[in-house]
Amino acid sequence: MKKLLVGLTLLHAALATPALAKDYQIGAAFPLSGANAEYGQVFSSGVDLAIEHINADKKLSGKLSAIYEDSQALPAQGVIAANKLINVSKVPYILSAFTGVSKAMAPIGAKTKTVMVNGGGVGPDLAMLGEYFWNTIPLANFEVTAMVPYLVKEKGYKRIALIYVDDPLGQAVLKDLTKEVKAAGGDVVGSFSIPTTAQQFSGVAARVRDTKPDAVYIATYGNQQVQLVKQLRDNGVSQPLASYSAMSLPSILKLPEAKGLVYTSQQVTLNKDDPLTKRVEEDYKKKYGKEPNMYVLNYYNAVLTFAELAAALEKAGKPVTGENLLAQRKATKNFQFVGATVSFADDGTVKSPIQINEIVGDGTSKLIAAGK
């Protein structure tokens, strides 16, 4: 009888004890080395700040952390990183970046029912990678569509030359820019592809000069874009330069040759009077000494999305798996991002107004056309 009473007491104590807090890990396949490592630093700063805030607010029952793997911005390395994060680290949610890398990783996510979220690549075909692949950044077709009327109609630059990297991003921009410039009444007078590893551009500059363009649109990224802008100017290409959101990196903003370059980005309203935006802006400035750019915000929002979905699953008593995260996202009408309330389209994209910025030359840029 005594043993029975002791057993019942222990059972009662076990039932009365709350479930142990569960810690969570998400993955990130970012370039941590190589020519595009600067992007990885920027992306991870947004991830790390979001995790700090989520843990401080106790949004989840346990602690959230991130496991980083080096994609080197290369598709093959991205596949290795994704397989390691899924098969070894067992994460249900992976952050990706770069169009070619994301396209290589996406089939793995679809096969294993692992959510993958891109906040940096902008190739339009990233909207067609299946229901387990999401984007927190507007894709390049929206950026090109916003830039072309500004160049052709507002500024009167009818003759546009294009320099594009020979990968899925560059090929998508070639297609969209050619179509949009023609529709606006202009002409793409020359389109010049460059290999992803190229660093010498004097020959390209000479060919661009021969087309006598009114403006030059650049579609590349990382250290390559730094060298390209510098060498275009050094080799006598004096026409206005235009590009997309990749030009917001610190290395470009502080480059003297980039002064006056205009680029598109999603609209960022950091002065919006809401607690989330204010907190992110103030804490990022305190930690890094500068304002967060849209890449920082994209990955902050991607991590915040995981936390909101995981918290809802915890509340419902469901495990945080890729399959359940997808179902919960579909069941959630709106998400509070930094500076905006958004919803995901069926193809996993979020749409945002696009603004046009001009590089000032002192490490910053200024808004010259508000988003629509």
Protein backbone atom coordinates (compact mmCIF):
# COMPACT_ATOMS: atom_id res chain seq x y z
CA MET A 1 0.00 0.00 0.00
CA LYS A 2 2.84 2.34 0.92
CA LYS A 3 4.52 1.68 -2.47
CA LEU A 4 1.23 2.39 -4.24
CA LEU A 5 0.87 5.74 -2.48
CA VAL A 6 4.45 6.71 -3.34
CA GLY A 7 3.84 5.78 -6.97
CA LEU A 8 0.65 7.81 -7.16
CA THR A 9 2.41 10.78 -5.59
CA LEU A 10 5.23 10.66 -8.16
CA LEU A 11 2.73 10.33 -11.01
CA HIS A 12 0.77 13.31 -9.74
CA ALA A 13 3.97 15.36 -9.48
CA ALA A 14 4.96 14.43 -13.04
CA LEU A 15 1.56 15.40 -14.40
CA ALA A 16 1.63 18.68 -12.51
CA THR A 17 5.07 19.66 -13.83
CA PRO A 18 4.92 21.97 -16.89
CA ALA A 19 6.41 20.70 -20.13
CA LEU A 20 10.10 21.48 -20.44
CA ALA A 21 10.92 24.50 -22.57
CA LYS A 22 12.04 23.55 -26.08
CA ASP A 23 15.00 25.26 -27.70
CA TYR A 24 14.88 25.84 -31.46
CA GLN A 25 17.51 26.11 -34.15
CA ILE A 26 17.12 27.54 -37.62
CA GLY A 27 19.70 27.33 -40.39
CA ALA A 28 21.30 29.89 -42.68
CA ALA A 29 23.25 29.19 -45.87
CA PHE A 30 25.09 32.48 -46.40
CA PRO A 31 28.38 33.40 -48.09
CA LEU A 32 30.79 33.57 -45.15
CA SER A 33 33.93 33.52 -47.28
CA GLY A 34 34.93 34.48 -50.80
CA ALA A 35 34.10 37.49 -52.93
CA ASN A 36 30.57 37.84 -51.54
CA ALA A 37 31.32 37.45 -47.82
CA GLU A 38 30.22 41.06 -47.22
CA TYR A 39 26.67 39.99 -47.97
CA GLY A 40 26.89 37.21 -45.40
CA GLN A 41 27.98 39.71 -42.76
CA VAL A 42 25.06 42.01 -43.55
CA PHE A 43 22.50 39.19 -43.70
CA SER A 44 23.65 37.59 -40.45
CA SER A 45 23.53 40.92 -38.60
CA GLY A 46 19.79 41.02 -39.24
CA VAL A 47 19.38 37.38 -38.18
CA ASP A 48 21.35 37.88 -34.98
CA LEU A 49 19.43 41.00 -33.95
CA ALA A 50 16.10 39.25 -34.52
CA ILE A 51 17.18 36.31 -32.39
CA GLU A 52 18.30 38.66 -29.60
CA HIS A 53 14.88 40.35 -29.61
CA ILE A 54 12.91 37.10 -29.81
CA ASN A 55 14.80 35.56 -26.90
CA ALA A 56 14.57 38.75 -24.84
CA ASP A 57 10.80 38.83 -25.38
CA LYS A 58 10.44 35.11 -24.61
CA LYS A 59 8.34 34.63 -27.73
CA LEU A 60 9.05 30.89 -27.61
CA SER A 61 9.13 28.43 -24.73
CA GLY A 62 12.90 28.04 -25.09
CA LYS A 63 15.83 29.77 -26.73
CA LEU A 64 16.18 30.35 -30.48
CA SER A 65 19.57 30.15 -32.19
CA ALA A 66 20.94 30.00 -35.74
CA ILE A 67 23.39 27.59 -37.33
CA TYR A 68 25.38 29.19 -40.14
CA GLU A 69 26.84 27.27 -43.07
CA ASP A 70 29.03 28.82 -45.77
CA SER A 71 27.45 28.79 -49.23
CA GLN A 72 30.22 30.99 -50.71
CA ALA A 73 27.36 32.27 -52.94
CA LEU A 74 27.91 29.16 -55.09
CA PRO A 75 25.09 26.73 -55.98
CA ALA A 76 27.14 23.59 -55.28
CA GLN A 77 28.24 24.88 -51.89
CA GLY A 78 24.65 25.89 -51.15
CA VAL A 79 23.52 22.31 -51.75
CA ILE A 80 26.21 21.01 -49.37
CA ALA A 81 25.15 23.57 -46.75
CA ALA A 82 21.45 22.71 -47.11
CA ASN A 83 22.08 18.96 -46.81
CA LYS A 84 24.17 19.48 -43.69
CA LEU A 85 21.58 21.74 -42.06
CA ILE A 86 18.75 19.31 -42.82
CA ASN A 87 20.41 15.92 -42.31
CA VAL A 88 22.85 16.73 -39.50
CA SER A 89 21.44 19.75 -37.68
CA LYS A 90 17.80 18.72 -38.34
CA VAL A 91 16.54 22.30 -38.75
CA PRO A 92 12.99 22.83 -40.11
CA TYR A 93 13.67 26.34 -41.45
CA ILE A 94 16.63 27.58 -43.53
CA LEU A 95 17.50 31.09 -44.67
CA SER A 96 18.94 31.28 -48.18
CA ALA A 97 20.40 34.00 -50.40
CA PHE A 98 21.39 34.56 -54.04
CA THR A 99 19.25 33.44 -56.96
CA GLY A 100 21.42 30.60 -58.26
CA VAL A 101 22.12 29.24 -54.77
CA SER A 102 18.44 29.38 -53.80
CA LYS A 103 17.36 27.59 -56.97
CA ALA A 104 19.87 24.81 -56.27
CA MET A 105 18.73 24.43 -52.64
CA ALA A 106 14.96 24.64 -53.19
CA PRO A 107 14.41 21.06 -54.46
CA ILE A 108 16.04 19.73 -51.28
CA GLY A 109 13.65 21.77 -49.18
CA ALA A 110 10.67 20.56 -51.18
CA LYS A 111 11.74 16.91 -50.93
CA THR A 112 12.38 17.03 -47.16
CA LYS A 113 9.52 19.46 -46.37
CA THR A 114 11.96 22.02 -45.01
CA VAL A 115 10.97 25.67 -45.28
CA MET A 116 13.52 27.86 -47.06
CA VAL A 117 13.26 31.65 -46.93
CA ASN A 118 15.16 34.02 -49.21
CA GLY A 119 15.78 37.64 -48.25
CA GLY A 120 18.57 38.52 -50.68
CA GLY A 121 18.18 36.91 -54.12
CA VAL A 122 15.87 38.72 -56.55
CA GLY A 123 15.57 36.51 -59.65
CA PRO A 124 11.88 36.47 -60.68
CA ASP A 125 11.88 32.67 -60.98
CA LEU A 126 12.36 32.46 -57.20
CA ALA A 127 8.57 32.82 -57.09
CA MET A 128 8.23 29.43 -58.81
CA LEU A 129 10.21 27.11 -56.54
CA GLY A 130 7.34 25.44 -54.73
CA GLU A 131 5.35 25.99 -51.56
CA TYR A 132 8.26 25.35 -49.20
CA PHE A 133 10.26 28.25 -50.68
CA TRP A 134 9.33 31.76 -49.50
CA ASN A 135 10.69 35.24 -50.23
CA THR A 136 10.76 38.26 -47.90
CA ILE A 137 12.26 40.50 -50.62
CA PRO A 138 10.50 41.85 -53.74
CA LEU A 139 11.93 40.15 -56.82
CA ALA A 140 13.87 41.80 -59.65
CA ASN A 141 10.97 42.17 -62.05
CA PHE A 142 9.38 44.64 -59.60
CA GLU A 143 12.66 46.56 -59.30
CA VAL A 144 13.19 46.77 -63.07
CA THR A 145 9.57 47.79 -63.62
CA ALA A 146 10.04 50.68 -61.16
CA MET A 147 13.40 51.85 -62.52
CA VAL A 148 12.72 51.90 -66.28
CA PRO A 149 10.04 54.64 -66.30
CA TYR A 150 12.31 56.80 -64.16
CA LEU A 151 15.23 56.38 -66.56
CA VAL A 152 13.40 56.51 -69.89
CA LYS A 153 10.45 58.81 -69.26
CA GLU A 154 11.45 61.04 -66.35
CA LYS A 155 15.16 61.44 -67.13
CA GLY A 156 14.89 60.99 -70.90
CA TYR A 157 17.53 58.25 -71.13
CA LYS A 158 16.26 56.47 -74.23
CA ARG A 159 19.40 54.45 -75.02
CA ILE A 160 20.21 51.97 -72.26
CA ALA A 161 23.23 49.66 -72.16
CA LEU A 162 23.08 46.62 -69.88
CA ILE A 163 25.95 44.80 -68.20
CA TYR A 164 24.76 41.61 -66.52
CA VAL A 165 26.32 38.66 -64.75
CA ASP A 166 25.88 35.39 -66.62
CA ASP A 167 23.72 33.55 -64.09
CA PRO A 168 19.97 33.20 -63.42
CA LEU A 169 19.73 36.70 -61.93
CA GLY A 170 21.47 38.40 -64.85
CA GLN A 171 19.51 36.45 -67.44
CA ALA A 172 16.23 37.41 -65.75
CA VAL A 173 17.19 41.09 -65.70
CA LEU A 174 18.17 40.92 -69.38
CA LYS A 175 14.73 39.61 -70.26
CA ASP A 176 12.77 42.04 -68.09
CA LEU A 177 14.85 45.14 -68.84
CA THR A 178 14.67 44.59 -72.60
CA LYS A 179 10.89 44.24 -72.44
CA GLU A 180 10.32 47.20 -70.11
CA VAL A 181 12.67 49.60 -71.92
CA LYS A 182 10.96 48.86 -75.25
CA ALA A 183 7.51 49.34 -73.70
CA ALA A 184 8.62 52.71 -72.29
CA GLY A 185 9.75 53.92 -75.72
CA GLY A 186 13.49 53.31 -75.31
CA ASP A 187 16.00 50.85 -76.66
CA VAL A 188 18.58 48.51 -75.10
CA VAL A 189 21.48 49.46 -77.39
CA GLY A 190 23.83 46.82 -76.04
CA SER A 191 23.74 43.93 -73.56
CA PHE A 192 27.02 42.55 -72.28
CA SER A 193 27.29 39.41 -70.15
CA ILE A 194 30.19 38.88 -67.75
CA PRO A 195 31.23 35.62 -66.06
CA THR A 196 30.47 35.37 -62.34
CA THR A 197 34.20 35.24 -61.53
CA ALA A 198 35.34 38.13 -63.78
CA GLN A 199 37.21 41.04 -62.18
CA GLN A 200 38.70 42.81 -65.22
CA PHE A 201 36.32 44.99 -67.23
CA SER A 202 38.31 47.34 -69.47
CA GLY A 203 37.16 45.41 -72.55
CA VAL A 204 33.52 45.61 -71.47
CA ALA A 205 33.91 49.33 -70.82
CA ALA A 206 35.20 49.86 -74.36
CA ARG A 207 32.24 47.99 -75.84
CA VAL A 208 29.82 49.99 -73.71
CA ARG A 209 31.40 53.25 -74.87
CA ASP A 210 30.95 52.19 -78.50
CA THR A 211 27.16 51.90 -78.04
CA LYS A 212 26.95 55.56 -76.95
CA PRO A 213 24.26 54.92 -74.34
CA ASP A 214 22.40 57.54 -72.34
CA ALA A 215 22.68 55.38 -69.21
CA VAL A 216 24.16 52.04 -68.16
CA TYR A 217 22.24 49.48 -66.10
CA ILE A 218 24.31 47.05 -64.03
CA ALA A 219 23.05 43.66 -62.84
CA THR A 220 25.71 41.94 -60.78
CA TYR A 221 26.65 41.74 -57.11
CA GLY A 222 29.37 41.61 -54.46
CA ASN A 223 32.98 42.58 -55.03
CA GLN A 224 32.40 42.22 -58.78
CA GLN A 225 30.06 45.21 -58.80
CA VAL A 226 32.64 47.29 -56.91
CA GLN A 227 35.29 46.52 -59.52
CA LEU A 228 32.87 47.01 -62.40
CA VAL A 229 31.74 50.48 -61.30
CA LYS A 230 35.31 51.53 -60.59
CA GLN A 231 36.65 50.29 -63.92
CA LEU A 232 33.78 51.72 -65.96
CA ARG A 233 34.65 55.16 -64.63
CA ASP A 234 38.41 54.59 -64.97
CA ASN A 235 37.90 53.57 -68.61
CA GLY A 236 35.89 56.59 -69.70
CA VAL A 237 32.27 55.50 -69.23
CA SER A 238 30.86 58.74 -67.85
CA GLN A 239 27.14 58.09 -68.41
CA PRO A 240 24.74 57.75 -65.46
CA LEU A 241 24.74 54.33 -63.82
CA ALA A 242 21.67 52.50 -62.55
CA SER A 243 21.12 49.19 -60.80
CA TYR A 244 19.02 47.22 -58.32
CA SER A 245 19.08 46.66 -54.56
CA ALA A 246 22.47 44.89 -54.48
CA MET A 247 24.08 48.34 -54.72
CA SER A 248 23.11 49.12 -51.13
CA LEU A 249 26.18 47.38 -49.70
CA PRO A 250 28.57 49.56 -47.65
CA SER A 251 31.48 48.85 -50.04
CA ILE A 252 29.53 50.44 -52.90
CA LEU A 253 28.02 53.30 -50.91
CA LYS A 254 31.48 54.53 -49.89
CA LEU A 255 33.03 54.08 -53.36
CA PRO A 256 33.84 57.52 -54.89
CA GLU A 257 33.16 56.26 -58.43
CA ALA A 258 29.65 55.21 -57.41
CA LYS A 259 28.55 58.73 -56.52
CA GLY A 260 25.35 59.56 -58.41
CA LEU A 261 24.49 55.92 -59.16
CA VAL A 262 20.76 55.29 -58.77
CA TYR A 263 19.34 51.99 -57.56
CA THR A 264 15.98 50.56 -56.60
CA SER A 265 15.05 48.92 -53.33
CA GLN A 266 11.94 47.99 -51.49
CA GLN A 267 10.47 50.92 -49.63
CA VAL A 268 11.91 51.18 -46.13
CA THR A 269 10.15 53.51 -43.68
CA LEU A 270 12.43 53.55 -40.66
CA ASN A 271 10.83 56.63 -39.18
CA LYS A 272 7.42 54.99 -38.92
CA ASP A 273 6.03 55.51 -35.43
CA ASP A 274 5.63 51.92 -34.34
CA PRO A 275 7.50 50.14 -31.53
CA LEU A 276 8.98 47.35 -33.67
CA THR A 277 10.53 49.68 -36.25
CA LYS A 278 11.83 52.03 -33.59
CA ARG A 279 13.37 49.18 -31.63
CA VAL A 280 15.10 47.62 -34.65
CA GLU A 281 16.49 50.95 -35.86
CA GLU A 282 17.75 52.02 -32.44
CA ASP A 283 19.24 48.66 -31.46
CA TYR A 284 20.92 48.15 -34.83
CA LYS A 285 22.48 51.62 -34.69
CA LYS A 286 23.67 50.95 -31.16
CA LYS A 287 25.23 47.63 -32.14
CA TYR A 288 26.65 48.43 -35.59
CA GLY A 289 26.87 52.22 -35.72
CA LYS A 290 24.65 52.65 -38.79
CA GLU A 291 21.09 52.30 -39.96
CA PRO A 292 19.90 48.85 -41.06
CA ASN A 293 19.52 48.45 -44.82
CA MET A 294 16.79 46.42 -46.44
CA TYR A 295 18.83 43.21 -46.42
CA VAL A 296 19.11 43.49 -42.64
CA LEU A 297 15.36 44.05 -42.41
CA ASN A 298 14.56 41.19 -44.81
CA TYR A 299 16.40 38.65 -42.69
CA TYR A 300 15.17 40.15 -39.44
CA ASN A 301 11.65 39.73 -40.82
CA ALA A 302 12.39 36.17 -41.97
CA VAL A 303 13.48 35.16 -38.45
CA LEU A 304 10.55 37.02 -36.90
CA THR A 305 8.22 35.08 -39.22
CA PHE A 306 9.62 31.80 -37.91
CA ALA A 307 9.10 32.92 -34.31
CA GLU A 308 5.50 33.98 -34.92
CA LEU A 309 4.68 30.70 -36.65
CA ALA A 310 6.49 28.56 -34.08
CA ALA A 311 4.76 30.37 -31.21
CA ALA A 312 1.37 29.70 -32.81
CA LEU A 313 2.25 26.02 -33.22
CA GLU A 314 3.37 25.79 -29.60
CA LYS A 315 0.08 27.32 -28.50
CA ALA A 316 -1.79 24.74 -30.57
CA GLY A 317 0.30 21.90 -29.16
CA LYS A 318 1.81 21.03 -32.54
CA PRO A 319 5.46 20.24 -33.26
CA VAL A 320 7.50 22.84 -35.12
CA THR A 321 8.16 21.02 -38.38
CA GLY A 322 8.52 22.37 -41.89
CA GLU A 323 5.14 20.91 -42.81
CA ASN A 324 3.41 22.56 -39.84
CA LEU A 325 5.20 25.88 -40.41
CA LEU A 326 3.87 25.93 -43.98
CA ALA A 327 0.33 25.11 -42.85
CA GLN A 328 0.47 27.81 -40.18
CA ARG A 329 1.75 30.40 -42.67
CA LYS A 330 -1.14 29.61 -44.98
CA ALA A 331 -3.55 30.01 -42.06
CA THR A 332 -2.06 33.36 -40.99
CA LYS A 333 -3.54 36.34 -42.81
CA ASN A 334 -0.98 39.02 -41.96
CA PHE A 335 2.51 39.35 -40.54
CA GLN A 336 4.00 42.37 -38.83
CA PHE A 337 7.27 43.18 -40.56
CA VAL A 338 9.54 46.07 -39.69
CA GLY A 339 7.75 49.15 -41.03
CA ALA A 340 4.87 47.30 -42.66
CA THR A 341 2.11 44.74 -42.29
CA VAL A 342 2.39 42.17 -45.08
CA SER A 343 0.81 38.97 -46.30
CA PHE A 344 2.32 36.13 -48.30
CA ALA A 345 0.96 35.40 -51.75
CA ASP A 346 0.22 31.81 -52.75
CA ASP A 347 3.63 31.63 -54.47
CA GLY A 348 5.42 32.48 -51.21
CA THR A 349 6.34 36.07 -52.14
CA VAL A 350 5.62 39.35 -50.43
CA LYS A 351 5.10 42.41 -52.55
CA SER A 352 6.34 45.81 -51.46
CA PRO A 353 6.44 49.32 -52.93
CA ILE A 354 9.77 50.02 -54.68
CA GLN A 355 11.71 53.25 -54.14
CA ILE A 356 14.62 54.78 -56.07
CA ASN A 357 17.76 55.89 -54.25
CA GLU A 358 20.86 57.85 -55.25
CA ILE A 359 24.32 57.22 -53.82
CA VAL A 360 25.53 60.42 -52.21
CA GLY A 361 29.21 59.55 -52.00
CA ASP A 362 29.79 59.67 -48.26
CA GLY A 363 28.78 56.10 -47.51
CA THR A 364 25.07 56.83 -47.67
CA SER A 365 22.27 57.17 -50.20
CA LYS A 366 19.23 59.40 -50.41
CA LEU A 367 15.67 58.74 -51.48
CA ILE A 368 14.83 60.41 -54.81
CA ALA A 369 11.56 58.72 -55.73
CA ALA A 370 9.10 57.22 -53.24
CA GLY A 371 7.76 53.74 -53.66
CA LYS A 372 4.46 53.02 -55.36
